[in-house]
Amino acid sequence: MPQQSVFFDERKDAKRVRVLKVYDAAYARSCFDEMSDDALKFLQRSLDLENNYDLPDSSATLQWEDVEQEAREDGNLFSFFVVLEERDSQSNPLYVSPDWPSAEAFAKARL
């Protein structure tokens, strides 16, 4: 299995925002479960699930299975981009996405 890697790492004042590419679906799922409503809406818009899966309307709830399906790289290999924010030596996952562009945009918006 490929190793986790850092794709983005920037600081602003006392805040550090990082994007990690991870292959651990259980870790990614735990981060997904901690996402705020705003982060979930950002992810849903970035994945364009309403158009890609003919969901009835934009109020449809984003499910982990939707993210996991988009994260498939090859066969049973899944990759996820996790946005972490660090303040006062505390690291909190804020966002998880199967694609780099939305993770990067979310990370930059946090700075």
PDB file of N, CA and C in Angstrom:
ATOM      1  N   MET A   1       0.849  -1.182   0.000  1.00  0.00           N
ATOM      2  CA  MET A   1       0.000   0.000   0.000  1.00  0.00           C
ATOM      3  C   MET A   1       0.889   1.238   0.000  1.00  0.00           C
ATOM      4  N   PRO A   2       0.557   2.231  -0.819  1.00  0.00           N
ATOM      5  CA  PRO A   2       1.339   3.469  -0.833  1.00  0.00           C
ATOM      6  C   PRO A   2       1.298   4.167   0.528  1.00  0.00           C
ATOM      7  N   GLN A   3       2.288   4.996   0.749  1.00  0.00           N
ATOM      8  CA  GLN A   3       2.398   5.721   2.011  1.00  0.00           C
ATOM      9  C   GLN A   3       1.694   7.073   1.939  1.00  0.00           C
ATOM     10  N   GLN A   4       1.269   7.536   3.088  1.00  0.00           N
ATOM     11  CA  GLN A   4       0.672   8.865   3.224  1.00  0.00           C
ATOM     12  C   GLN A   4       1.708   9.916   2.813  1.00  0.00           C
ATOM     13  N   SER A   5       1.254  11.002   2.192  1.00  0.00           N
ATOM     14  CA  SER A   5       2.163  12.070   1.808  1.00  0.00           C
ATOM     15  C   SER A   5       1.507  13.424   2.015  1.00  0.00           C
ATOM     16  N   VAL A   6       2.344  14.440   2.182  1.00  0.00           N
ATOM     17  CA  VAL A   6       1.874  15.816   2.381  1.00  0.00           C
ATOM     18  C   VAL A   6       1.818  16.494   1.018  1.00  0.00           C
ATOM     19  N   PHE A   7       0.646  17.030   0.668  1.00  0.00           N
ATOM     20  CA  PHE A   7       0.469  17.719  -0.610  1.00  0.00           C
ATOM     21  C   PHE A   7       0.444  19.232  -0.447  1.00  0.00           C
ATOM     22  N   PHE A   8       0.179  19.700   0.756  1.00  0.00           N
ATOM     23  CA  PHE A   8       0.038  21.134   1.006  1.00  0.00           C
ATOM     24  C   PHE A   8       0.373  21.362   2.470  1.00  0.00           C
ATOM     25  N   ASP A   9       1.143  22.411   2.761  1.00  0.00           N
ATOM     26  CA  ASP A   9       1.500  22.721   4.143  1.00  0.00           C
ATOM     27  C   ASP A   9       1.831  24.201   4.221  1.00  0.00           C
ATOM     28  N   GLU A  10       0.915  24.982   4.801  1.00  0.00           N
ATOM     29  CA  GLU A  10       1.136  26.421   4.933  1.00  0.00           C
ATOM     30  C   GLU A  10       0.717  26.900   6.308  1.00  0.00           C
ATOM     31  N   ARG A  11       1.376  27.987   6.743  1.00  0.00           N
ATOM     32  CA  ARG A  11       1.071  28.605   8.038  1.00  0.00           C
ATOM     33  C   ARG A  11       0.640  30.046   7.828  1.00  0.00           C
ATOM     34  N   LYS A  12      -0.224  30.480   8.708  1.00  0.00           N
ATOM     35  CA  LYS A  12      -0.591  31.886   8.760  1.00  0.00           C
ATOM     36  C   LYS A  12      -0.872  32.185  10.223  1.00  0.00           C
ATOM     37  N   ASP A  13      -0.063  33.062  10.771  1.00  0.00           N
ATOM     38  CA  ASP A  13      -0.130  33.392  12.194  1.00  0.00           C
ATOM     39  C   ASP A  13       0.021  32.107  13.008  1.00  0.00           C
ATOM     40  N   ALA A  14      -0.920  31.821  13.875  1.00  0.00           N
ATOM     41  CA  ALA A  14      -0.814  30.638  14.745  1.00  0.00           C
ATOM     42  C   ALA A  14      -1.494  29.414  14.140  1.00  0.00           C
ATOM     43  N   LYS A  15      -1.917  29.512  12.904  1.00  0.00           N
ATOM     44  CA  LYS A  15      -2.657  28.426  12.266  1.00  0.00           C
ATOM     45  C   LYS A  15      -1.795  27.750  11.201  1.00  0.00           C
ATOM     46  N   ARG A  16      -1.855  26.443  11.180  1.00  0.00           N
ATOM     47  CA  ARG A  16      -1.181  25.649  10.153  1.00  0.00           C
ATOM     48  C   ARG A  16      -2.234  24.779   9.479  1.00  0.00           C
ATOM     49  N   VAL A  17      -2.248  24.790   8.154  1.00  0.00           N
ATOM     50  CA  VAL A  17      -3.192  23.974   7.392  1.00  0.00           C
ATOM     51  C   VAL A  17      -2.381  23.045   6.498  1.00  0.00           C
ATOM     52  N   ARG A  18      -2.735  21.765   6.566  1.00  0.00           N
ATOM     53  CA  ARG A  18      -2.053  20.764   5.756  1.00  0.00           C
ATOM     54  C   ARG A  18      -3.075  19.920   5.013  1.00  0.00           C
ATOM     55  N   VAL A  19      -2.674  19.415   3.856  1.00  0.00           N
ATOM     56  CA  VAL A  19      -3.467  18.434   3.125  1.00  0.00           C
ATOM     57  C   VAL A  19      -2.610  17.195   2.983  1.00  0.00           C
ATOM     58  N   LEU A  20      -3.144  16.092   3.492  1.00  0.00           N
ATOM     59  CA  LEU A  20      -2.465  14.811   3.394  1.00  0.00           C
ATOM     60  C   LEU A  20      -3.189  13.929   2.394  1.00  0.00           C
ATOM     61  N   LYS A  21      -2.426  13.222   1.588  1.00  0.00           N
ATOM     62  CA  LYS A  21      -3.017  12.185   0.750  1.00  0.00           C
ATOM     63  C   LYS A  21      -2.854  10.891   1.526  1.00  0.00           C
ATOM     64  N   VAL A  22      -3.981  10.254   1.809  1.00  0.00           N
ATOM     65  CA  VAL A  22      -3.963   9.028   2.612  1.00  0.00           C
ATOM     66  C   VAL A  22      -4.649   7.896   1.862  1.00  0.00           C
ATOM     67  N   TYR A  23      -4.279   6.694   2.220  1.00  0.00           N
ATOM     68  CA  TYR A  23      -4.848   5.504   1.603  1.00  0.00           C
ATOM     69  C   TYR A  23      -5.631   4.657   2.608  1.00  0.00           C
ATOM     70  N   ASP A  24      -5.732   5.153   3.817  1.00  0.00           N
ATOM     71  CA  ASP A  24      -6.430   4.452   4.890  1.00  0.00           C
ATOM     72  C   ASP A  24      -7.894   4.890   4.900  1.00  0.00           C
ATOM     73  N   ALA A  25      -8.770   4.034   4.377  1.00  0.00           N
ATOM     74  CA  ALA A  25     -10.190   4.383   4.272  1.00  0.00           C
ATOM     75  C   ALA A  25     -10.836   4.551   5.640  1.00  0.00           C
ATOM     76  N   ALA A  26     -10.403   3.804   6.636  1.00  0.00           N
ATOM     77  CA  ALA A  26     -10.977   3.933   7.982  1.00  0.00           C
ATOM     78  C   ALA A  26     -10.645   5.303   8.577  1.00  0.00           C
ATOM     79  N   TYR A  27      -9.410   5.758   8.387  1.00  0.00           N
ATOM     80  CA  TYR A  27      -9.023   7.089   8.872  1.00  0.00           C
ATOM     81  C   TYR A  27      -9.810   8.169   8.117  1.00  0.00           C
ATOM     82  N   ALA A  28      -9.892   8.029   6.794  1.00  0.00           N
ATOM     83  CA  ALA A  28     -10.636   9.006   5.994  1.00  0.00           C
ATOM     84  C   ALA A  28     -12.096   9.053   6.430  1.00  0.00           C
ATOM     85  N   ARG A  29     -12.669   7.896   6.704  1.00  0.00           N
ATOM     86  CA  ARG A  29     -14.068   7.839   7.151  1.00  0.00           C
ATOM     87  C   ARG A  29     -14.239   8.554   8.488  1.00  0.00           C
ATOM     88  N   SER A  30     -13.300   8.372   9.405  1.00  0.00           N
ATOM     89  CA  SER A  30     -13.404   9.055  10.700  1.00  0.00           C
ATOM     90  C   SER A  30     -13.312  10.572  10.520  1.00  0.00           C
ATOM     91  N   CYS A  31     -12.496  11.023   9.580  1.00  0.00           N
ATOM     92  CA  CYS A  31     -12.400  12.463   9.285  1.00  0.00           C
ATOM     93  C   CYS A  31     -13.699  12.958   8.653  1.00  0.00           C
ATOM     94  N   PHE A  32     -14.264  12.179   7.754  1.00  0.00           N
ATOM     95  CA  PHE A  32     -15.530  12.524   7.107  1.00  0.00           C
ATOM     96  C   PHE A  32     -16.628  12.700   8.154  1.00  0.00           C
ATOM     97  N   ASP A  33     -16.656  11.801   9.136  1.00  0.00           N
ATOM     98  CA  ASP A  33     -17.676  11.850  10.180  1.00  0.00           C
ATOM     99  C   ASP A  33     -17.578  13.110  11.041  1.00  0.00           C
ATOM    100  N   GLU A  34     -16.413  13.761  11.059  1.00  0.00           N
ATOM    101  CA  GLU A  34     -16.211  14.976  11.849  1.00  0.00           C
ATOM    102  C   GLU A  34     -16.426  16.262  11.050  1.00  0.00           C
ATOM    103  N   MET A  35     -16.705  16.142   9.768  1.00  0.00           N
ATOM    104  CA  MET A  35     -16.852  17.337   8.934  1.00  0.00           C
ATOM    105  C   MET A  35     -18.077  18.158   9.339  1.00  0.00           C
ATOM    106  N   SER A  36     -17.924  19.467   9.277  1.00  0.00           N
ATOM    107  CA  SER A  36     -19.034  20.379   9.554  1.00  0.00           C
ATOM    108  C   SER A  36     -20.021  20.364   8.395  1.00  0.00           C
ATOM    109  N   ASP A  37     -21.202  20.904   8.618  1.00  0.00           N
ATOM    110  CA  ASP A  37     -22.198  20.996   7.549  1.00  0.00           C
ATOM    111  C   ASP A  37     -21.679  21.819   6.383  1.00  0.00           C
ATOM    112  N   ASP A  38     -20.969  22.915   6.682  1.00  0.00           N
ATOM    113  CA  ASP A  38     -20.419  23.748   5.607  1.00  0.00           C
ATOM    114  C   ASP A  38     -19.383  22.983   4.782  1.00  0.00           C
ATOM    115  N   ALA A  39     -18.548  22.196   5.449  1.00  0.00           N
ATOM    116  CA  ALA A  39     -17.547  21.411   4.730  1.00  0.00           C
ATOM    117  C   ALA A  39     -18.227  20.345   3.868  1.00  0.00           C
ATOM    118  N   LEU A  40     -19.272  19.736   4.390  1.00  0.00           N
ATOM    119  CA  LEU A  40     -20.009  18.733   3.605  1.00  0.00           C
ATOM    120  C   LEU A  40     -20.657  19.357   2.374  1.00  0.00           C
ATOM    121  N   LYS A  41     -21.206  20.554   2.530  1.00  0.00           N
ATOM    122  CA  LYS A  41     -21.805  21.243   1.385  1.00  0.00           C
ATOM    123  C   LYS A  41     -20.739  21.596   0.347  1.00  0.00           C
ATOM    124  N   PHE A  42     -19.574  22.048   0.802  1.00  0.00           N
ATOM    125  CA  PHE A  42     -18.466  22.370  -0.093  1.00  0.00           C
ATOM    126  C   PHE A  42     -18.069  21.126  -0.885  1.00  0.00           C
ATOM    127  N   LEU A  43     -17.951  19.995  -0.191  1.00  0.00           N
ATOM    128  CA  LEU A  43     -17.584  18.747  -0.842  1.00  0.00           C
ATOM    129  C   LEU A  43     -18.653  18.299  -1.828  1.00  0.00           C
ATOM    130  N   GLN A  44     -19.897  18.403  -1.439  1.00  0.00           N
ATOM    131  CA  GLN A  44     -20.987  17.977  -2.327  1.00  0.00           C
ATOM    132  C   GLN A  44     -20.990  18.805  -3.609  1.00  0.00           C
ATOM    133  N   ARG A  45     -20.775  20.111  -3.477  1.00  0.00           N
ATOM    134  CA  ARG A  45     -20.705  20.966  -4.671  1.00  0.00           C
ATOM    135  C   ARG A  45     -19.507  20.597  -5.539  1.00  0.00           C
ATOM    136  N   SER A  46     -18.378  20.329  -4.903  1.00  0.00           N
ATOM    137  CA  SER A  46     -17.171  20.027  -5.682  1.00  0.00           C
ATOM    138  C   SER A  46     -17.285  18.702  -6.422  1.00  0.00           C
ATOM    139  N   LEU A  47     -17.993  17.742  -5.840  1.00  0.00           N
ATOM    140  CA  LEU A  47     -18.167  16.448  -6.494  1.00  0.00           C
ATOM    141  C   LEU A  47     -19.289  16.462  -7.518  1.00  0.00           C
ATOM    142  N   ASP A  48     -20.130  17.497  -7.475  1.00  0.00           N
ATOM    143  CA  ASP A  48     -21.237  17.657  -8.417  1.00  0.00           C
ATOM    144  C   ASP A  48     -22.094  16.395  -8.480  1.00  0.00           C
ATOM    145  N   LEU A  49     -22.426  15.879  -7.307  1.00  0.00           N
ATOM    146  CA  LEU A  49     -23.157  14.614  -7.234  1.00  0.00           C
ATOM    147  C   LEU A  49     -24.557  14.687  -7.819  1.00  0.00           C
ATOM    148  N   GLU A  50     -25.194  15.849  -7.727  1.00  0.00           N
ATOM    149  CA  GLU A  50     -26.548  15.956  -8.275  1.00  0.00           C
ATOM    150  C   GLU A  50     -26.561  15.637  -9.759  1.00  0.00           C
ATOM    151  N   ASN A  51     -25.555  16.126 -10.480  1.00  0.00           N
ATOM    152  CA  ASN A  51     -25.496  15.893 -11.921  1.00  0.00           C
ATOM    153  C   ASN A  51     -24.899  14.534 -12.263  1.00  0.00           C
ATOM    154  N   ASN A  52     -23.914  14.095 -11.484  1.00  0.00           N
ATOM    155  CA  ASN A  52     -23.241  12.835 -11.793  1.00  0.00           C
ATOM    156  C   ASN A  52     -24.076  11.611 -11.458  1.00  0.00           C
ATOM    157  N   TYR A  53     -24.957  11.726 -10.476  1.00  0.00           N
ATOM    158  CA  TYR A  53     -25.720  10.560 -10.040  1.00  0.00           C
ATOM    159  C   TYR A  53     -27.229  10.780 -10.106  1.00  0.00           C
ATOM    160  N   ASP A  54     -27.671  11.817 -10.790  1.00  0.00           N
ATOM    161  CA  ASP A  54     -29.093  12.099 -10.941  1.00  0.00           C
ATOM    162  C   ASP A  54     -29.833  12.114  -9.604  1.00  0.00           C
ATOM    163  N   LEU A  55     -29.240  12.771  -8.628  1.00  0.00           N
ATOM    164  CA  LEU A  55     -29.932  12.927  -7.345  1.00  0.00           C
ATOM    165  C   LEU A  55     -31.088  13.893  -7.547  1.00  0.00           C
ATOM    166  N   PRO A  56     -32.157  13.748  -6.792  1.00  0.00           N
ATOM    167  CA  PRO A  56     -33.355  14.536  -7.039  1.00  0.00           C
ATOM    168  C   PRO A  56     -33.180  16.038  -6.864  1.00  0.00           C
ATOM    169  N   ASP A  57     -32.375  16.472  -5.914  1.00  0.00           N
ATOM    170  CA  ASP A  57     -32.169  17.914  -5.730  1.00  0.00           C
ATOM    171  C   ASP A  57     -30.934  18.147  -4.888  1.00  0.00           C
ATOM    172  N   SER A  58     -30.558  19.411  -4.757  1.00  0.00           N
ATOM    173  CA  SER A  58     -29.327  19.745  -4.046  1.00  0.00           C
ATOM    174  C   SER A  58     -29.452  19.557  -2.543  1.00  0.00           C
ATOM    175  N   SER A  59     -30.626  19.250  -2.041  1.00  0.00           N
ATOM    176  CA  SER A  59     -30.767  19.013  -0.609  1.00  0.00           C
ATOM    177  C   SER A  59     -30.437  17.563  -0.252  1.00  0.00           C
ATOM    178  N   ALA A  60     -30.141  16.738  -1.247  1.00  0.00           N
ATOM    179  CA  ALA A  60     -29.784  15.344  -0.982  1.00  0.00           C
ATOM    180  C   ALA A  60     -28.533  15.305  -0.110  1.00  0.00           C
ATOM    181  N   THR A  61     -28.486  14.370   0.792  1.00  0.00           N
ATOM    182  CA  THR A  61     -27.397  14.279   1.753  1.00  0.00           C
ATOM    183  C   THR A  61     -26.221  13.506   1.172  1.00  0.00           C
ATOM    184  N   LEU A  62     -25.058  14.074   1.332  1.00  0.00           N
ATOM    185  CA  LEU A  62     -23.837  13.419   0.902  1.00  0.00           C
ATOM    186  C   LEU A  62     -23.555  12.239   1.827  1.00  0.00           C
ATOM    187  N   GLN A  63     -23.303  11.098   1.255  1.00  0.00           N
ATOM    188  CA  GLN A  63     -23.034   9.885   2.021  1.00  0.00           C
ATOM    189  C   GLN A  63     -21.572   9.480   1.855  1.00  0.00           C
ATOM    190  N   TRP A  64     -21.031   8.763   2.838  1.00  0.00           N
ATOM    191  CA  TRP A  64     -19.663   8.272   2.765  1.00  0.00           C
ATOM    192  C   TRP A  64     -19.458   7.439   1.500  1.00  0.00           C
ATOM    193  N   GLU A  65     -20.436   6.643   1.145  1.00  0.00           N
ATOM    194  CA  GLU A  65     -20.318   5.781  -0.023  1.00  0.00           C
ATOM    195  C   GLU A  65     -20.084   6.582  -1.303  1.00  0.00           C
ATOM    196  N   ASP A  66     -20.665   7.784  -1.376  1.00  0.00           N
ATOM    197  CA  ASP A  66     -20.441   8.660  -2.529  1.00  0.00           C
ATOM    198  C   ASP A  66     -18.972   9.062  -2.615  1.00  0.00           C
ATOM    199  N   VAL A  67     -18.404   9.414  -1.480  1.00  0.00           N
ATOM    200  CA  VAL A  67     -17.000   9.828  -1.427  1.00  0.00           C
ATOM    201  C   VAL A  67     -16.100   8.644  -1.755  1.00  0.00           C
ATOM    202  N   GLU A  68     -16.391   7.519  -1.141  1.00  0.00           N
ATOM    203  CA  GLU A  68     -15.574   6.328  -1.343  1.00  0.00           C
ATOM    204  C   GLU A  68     -15.571   5.891  -2.816  1.00  0.00           C
ATOM    205  N   GLN A  69     -16.729   5.952  -3.449  1.00  0.00           N
ATOM    206  CA  GLN A  69     -16.827   5.578  -4.868  1.00  0.00           C
ATOM    207  C   GLN A  69     -15.914   6.454  -5.725  1.00  0.00           C
ATOM    208  N   GLU A  70     -15.884   7.743  -5.421  1.00  0.00           N
ATOM    209  CA  GLU A  70     -15.053   8.679  -6.190  1.00  0.00           C
ATOM    210  C   GLU A  70     -13.563   8.518  -5.868  1.00  0.00           C
ATOM    211  N   ALA A  71     -13.239   7.908  -4.732  1.00  0.00           N
ATOM    212  CA  ALA A  71     -11.849   7.788  -4.284  1.00  0.00           C
ATOM    213  C   ALA A  71     -11.130   6.568  -4.847  1.00  0.00           C
ATOM    214  N   ARG A  72     -11.840   5.732  -5.559  1.00  0.00           N
ATOM    215  CA  ARG A  72     -11.219   4.512  -6.084  1.00  0.00           C
ATOM    216  C   ARG A  72     -10.180   4.885  -7.137  1.00  0.00           C
ATOM    217  N   GLU A  73      -8.946   4.448  -6.912  1.00  0.00           N
ATOM    218  CA  GLU A  73      -7.867   4.685  -7.871  1.00  0.00           C
ATOM    219  C   GLU A  73      -7.716   3.521  -8.830  1.00  0.00           C
ATOM    220  N   ASP A  74      -7.631   2.333  -8.253  1.00  0.00           N
ATOM    221  CA  ASP A  74      -7.400   1.152  -9.077  1.00  0.00           C
ATOM    222  C   ASP A  74      -7.802  -0.078  -8.280  1.00  0.00           C
ATOM    223  N   GLY A  75      -8.748  -0.837  -8.782  1.00  0.00           N
ATOM    224  CA  GLY A  75      -9.177  -2.038  -8.068  1.00  0.00           C
ATOM    225  C   GLY A  75      -9.679  -1.724  -6.683  1.00  0.00           C
ATOM    226  N   ASN A  76      -8.973  -2.204  -5.681  1.00  0.00           N
ATOM    227  CA  ASN A  76      -9.359  -1.964  -4.296  1.00  0.00           C
ATOM    228  C   ASN A  76      -8.527  -0.880  -3.634  1.00  0.00           C
ATOM    229  N   LEU A  77      -7.801  -0.078  -4.406  1.00  0.00           N
ATOM    230  CA  LEU A  77      -6.991   1.006  -3.861  1.00  0.00           C
ATOM    231  C   LEU A  77      -7.808   2.295  -3.866  1.00  0.00           C
ATOM    232  N   PHE A  78      -7.918   2.908  -2.692  1.00  0.00           N
ATOM    233  CA  PHE A  78      -8.650   4.159  -2.536  1.00  0.00           C
ATOM    234  C   PHE A  78      -7.680   5.208  -2.008  1.00  0.00           C
ATOM    235  N   SER A  79      -7.824   6.445  -2.466  1.00  0.00           N
ATOM    236  CA  SER A  79      -7.012   7.531  -1.927  1.00  0.00           C
ATOM    237  C   SER A  79      -7.916   8.708  -1.592  1.00  0.00           C
ATOM    238  N   PHE A  80      -7.528   9.413  -0.537  1.00  0.00           N
ATOM    239  CA  PHE A  80      -8.314  10.532  -0.025  1.00  0.00           C
ATOM    240  C   PHE A  80      -7.378  11.675   0.319  1.00  0.00           C
ATOM    241  N   PHE A  81      -7.877  12.892   0.204  1.00  0.00           N
ATOM    242  CA  PHE A  81      -7.136  14.078   0.607  1.00  0.00           C
ATOM    243  C   PHE A  81      -7.806  14.626   1.864  1.00  0.00           C
ATOM    244  N   VAL A  82      -7.048  14.671   2.948  1.00  0.00           N
ATOM    245  CA  VAL A  82      -7.566  15.106   4.237  1.00  0.00           C
ATOM    246  C   VAL A  82      -6.962  16.462   4.585  1.00  0.00           C
ATOM    247  N   VAL A  83      -7.822  17.442   4.873  1.00  0.00           N
ATOM    248  CA  VAL A  83      -7.379  18.766   5.291  1.00  0.00           C
ATOM    249  C   VAL A  83      -7.368  18.799   6.807  1.00  0.00           C
ATOM    250  N   LEU A  84      -6.198  19.126   7.354  1.00  0.00           N
ATOM    251  CA  LEU A  84      -6.028  19.235   8.799  1.00  0.00           C
ATOM    252  C   LEU A  84      -5.686  20.675   9.155  1.00  0.00           C
ATOM    253  N   GLU A  85      -6.237  21.145  10.241  1.00  0.00           N
ATOM    254  CA  GLU A  85      -5.914  22.479  10.741  1.00  0.00           C
ATOM    255  C   GLU A  85      -5.314  22.321  12.133  1.00  0.00           C
ATOM    256  N   GLU A  86      -4.160  22.950  12.336  1.00  0.00           N
ATOM    257  CA  GLU A  86      -3.479  22.871  13.624  1.00  0.00           C
ATOM    258  C   GLU A  86      -3.442  24.245  14.272  1.00  0.00           C
ATOM    259  N   ARG A  87      -3.839  24.252  15.539  1.00  0.00           N
ATOM    260  CA  ARG A  87      -3.752  25.455  16.383  1.00  0.00           C
ATOM    261  C   ARG A  87      -3.388  24.990  17.779  1.00  0.00           C
ATOM    262  N   ASP A  88      -2.468  25.695  18.400  1.00  0.00           N
ATOM    263  CA  ASP A  88      -2.081  25.376  19.777  1.00  0.00           C
ATOM    264  C   ASP A  88      -1.767  23.891  19.950  1.00  0.00           C
ATOM    265  N   SER A  89      -1.021  23.345  19.039  1.00  0.00           N
ATOM    266  CA  SER A  89      -0.598  21.939  19.071  1.00  0.00           C
ATOM    267  C   SER A  89      -1.750  20.941  18.965  1.00  0.00           C
ATOM    268  N   GLN A  90      -2.911  21.392  18.577  1.00  0.00           N
ATOM    269  CA  GLN A  90      -4.063  20.517  18.355  1.00  0.00           C
ATOM    270  C   GLN A  90      -4.301  20.416  16.852  1.00  0.00           C
ATOM    271  N   SER A  91      -4.391  19.200  16.354  1.00  0.00           N
ATOM    272  CA  SER A  91      -4.659  18.970  14.944  1.00  0.00           C
ATOM    273  C   SER A  91      -6.066  18.419  14.786  1.00  0.00           C
ATOM    274  N   ASN A  92      -6.857  19.085  13.954  1.00  0.00           N
ATOM    275  CA  ASN A  92      -8.244  18.671  13.735  1.00  0.00           C
ATOM    276  C   ASN A  92      -8.510  18.462  12.252  1.00  0.00           C
ATOM    277  N   PRO A  93      -9.096  17.328  11.903  1.00  0.00           N
ATOM    278  CA  PRO A  93      -9.491  17.125  10.508  1.00  0.00           C
ATOM    279  C   PRO A  93     -10.727  17.960  10.200  1.00  0.00           C
ATOM    280  N   LEU A  94     -10.690  18.665   9.076  1.00  0.00           N
ATOM    281  CA  LEU A  94     -11.801  19.541   8.702  1.00  0.00           C
ATOM    282  C   LEU A  94     -12.530  19.074   7.456  1.00  0.00           C
ATOM    283  N   TYR A  95     -11.826  18.337   6.611  1.00  0.00           N
ATOM    284  CA  TYR A  95     -12.361  18.064   5.268  1.00  0.00           C
ATOM    285  C   TYR A  95     -11.685  16.826   4.719  1.00  0.00           C
ATOM    286  N   VAL A  96     -12.427  16.013   4.013  1.00  0.00           N
ATOM    287  CA  VAL A  96     -11.853  14.870   3.309  1.00  0.00           C
ATOM    288  C   VAL A  96     -12.515  14.800   1.937  1.00  0.00           C
ATOM    289  N   SER A  97     -11.690  14.566   0.932  1.00  0.00           N
ATOM    290  CA  SER A  97     -12.187  14.559  -0.441  1.00  0.00           C
ATOM    291  C   SER A  97     -11.436  13.510  -1.254  1.00  0.00           C
ATOM    292  N   PRO A  98     -12.076  12.972  -2.261  1.00  0.00           N
ATOM    293  CA  PRO A  98     -11.365  12.064  -3.154  1.00  0.00           C
ATOM    294  C   PRO A  98     -10.551  12.798  -4.212  1.00  0.00           C
ATOM    295  N   ASP A  99     -10.681  14.124  -4.277  1.00  0.00           N
ATOM    296  CA  ASP A  99      -9.931  14.853  -5.307  1.00  0.00           C
ATOM    297  C   ASP A  99      -9.080  15.969  -4.713  1.00  0.00           C
ATOM    298  N   TRP A 100      -7.922  16.170  -5.348  1.00  0.00           N
ATOM    299  CA  TRP A 100      -6.969  17.178  -4.905  1.00  0.00           C
ATOM    300  C   TRP A 100      -7.495  18.607  -5.083  1.00  0.00           C
ATOM    301  N   PRO A 101      -8.090  18.988  -6.219  1.00  0.00           N
ATOM    302  CA  PRO A 101      -8.483  20.391  -6.393  1.00  0.00           C
ATOM    303  C   PRO A 101      -9.428  20.910  -5.300  1.00  0.00           C
ATOM    304  N   SER A 102     -10.405  20.119  -4.890  1.00  0.00           N
ATOM    305  CA  SER A 102     -11.313  20.622  -3.862  1.00  0.00           C
ATOM    306  C   SER A 102     -10.633  20.685  -2.510  1.00  0.00           C
ATOM    307  N   ALA A 103      -9.756  19.739  -2.202  1.00  0.00           N
ATOM    308  CA  ALA A 103      -9.022  19.773  -0.940  1.00  0.00           C
ATOM    309  C   ALA A 103      -8.110  20.995  -0.883  1.00  0.00           C
ATOM    310  N   GLU A 104      -7.448  21.275  -1.978  1.00  0.00           N
ATOM    311  CA  GLU A 104      -6.568  22.454  -2.036  1.00  0.00           C
ATOM    312  C   GLU A 104      -7.388  23.739  -1.862  1.00  0.00           C
ATOM    313  N   ALA A 105      -8.509  23.836  -2.545  1.00  0.00           N
ATOM    314  CA  ALA A 105      -9.350  25.039  -2.435  1.00  0.00           C
ATOM    315  C   ALA A 105      -9.866  25.210  -1.004  1.00  0.00           C
ATOM    316  N   PHE A 106     -10.286  24.132  -0.394  1.00  0.00           N
ATOM    317  CA  PHE A 106     -10.775  24.204   0.982  1.00  0.00           C
ATOM    318  C   PHE A 106      -9.651  24.631   1.925  1.00  0.00           C
ATOM    319  N   ALA A 107      -8.485  24.039   1.760  1.00  0.00           N
ATOM    320  CA  ALA A 107      -7.329  24.382   2.611  1.00  0.00           C
ATOM    321  C   ALA A 107      -6.955  25.852   2.484  1.00  0.00           C
ATOM    322  N   LYS A 108      -6.883  26.342   1.259  1.00  0.00           N
ATOM    323  CA  LYS A 108      -6.513  27.754   1.051  1.00  0.00           C
ATOM    324  C   LYS A 108      -7.559  28.692   1.625  1.00  0.00           C
ATOM    325  N   ALA A 109      -8.811  28.296   1.588  1.00  0.00           N
ATOM    326  CA  ALA A 109      -9.877  29.134   2.152  1.00  0.00           C
ATOM    327  C   ALA A 109      -9.776  29.226   3.675  1.00  0.00           C
ATOM    328  N   ARG A 110      -9.107  28.275   4.307  1.00  0.00           N
ATOM    329  CA  ARG A 110      -8.960  28.275   5.765  1.00  0.00           C
ATOM    330  C   ARG A 110      -7.860  29.209   6.224  1.00  0.00           C
ATOM    331  N   LEU A 111      -6.983  29.637   5.310  1.00  0.00           N
ATOM    332  CA  LEU A 111      -5.866  30.516   5.691  1.00  0.00           C
ATOM    333  C   LEU A 111      -6.248  31.973   5.716  1.00  0.00           C
TER     334      LEU A 111
END
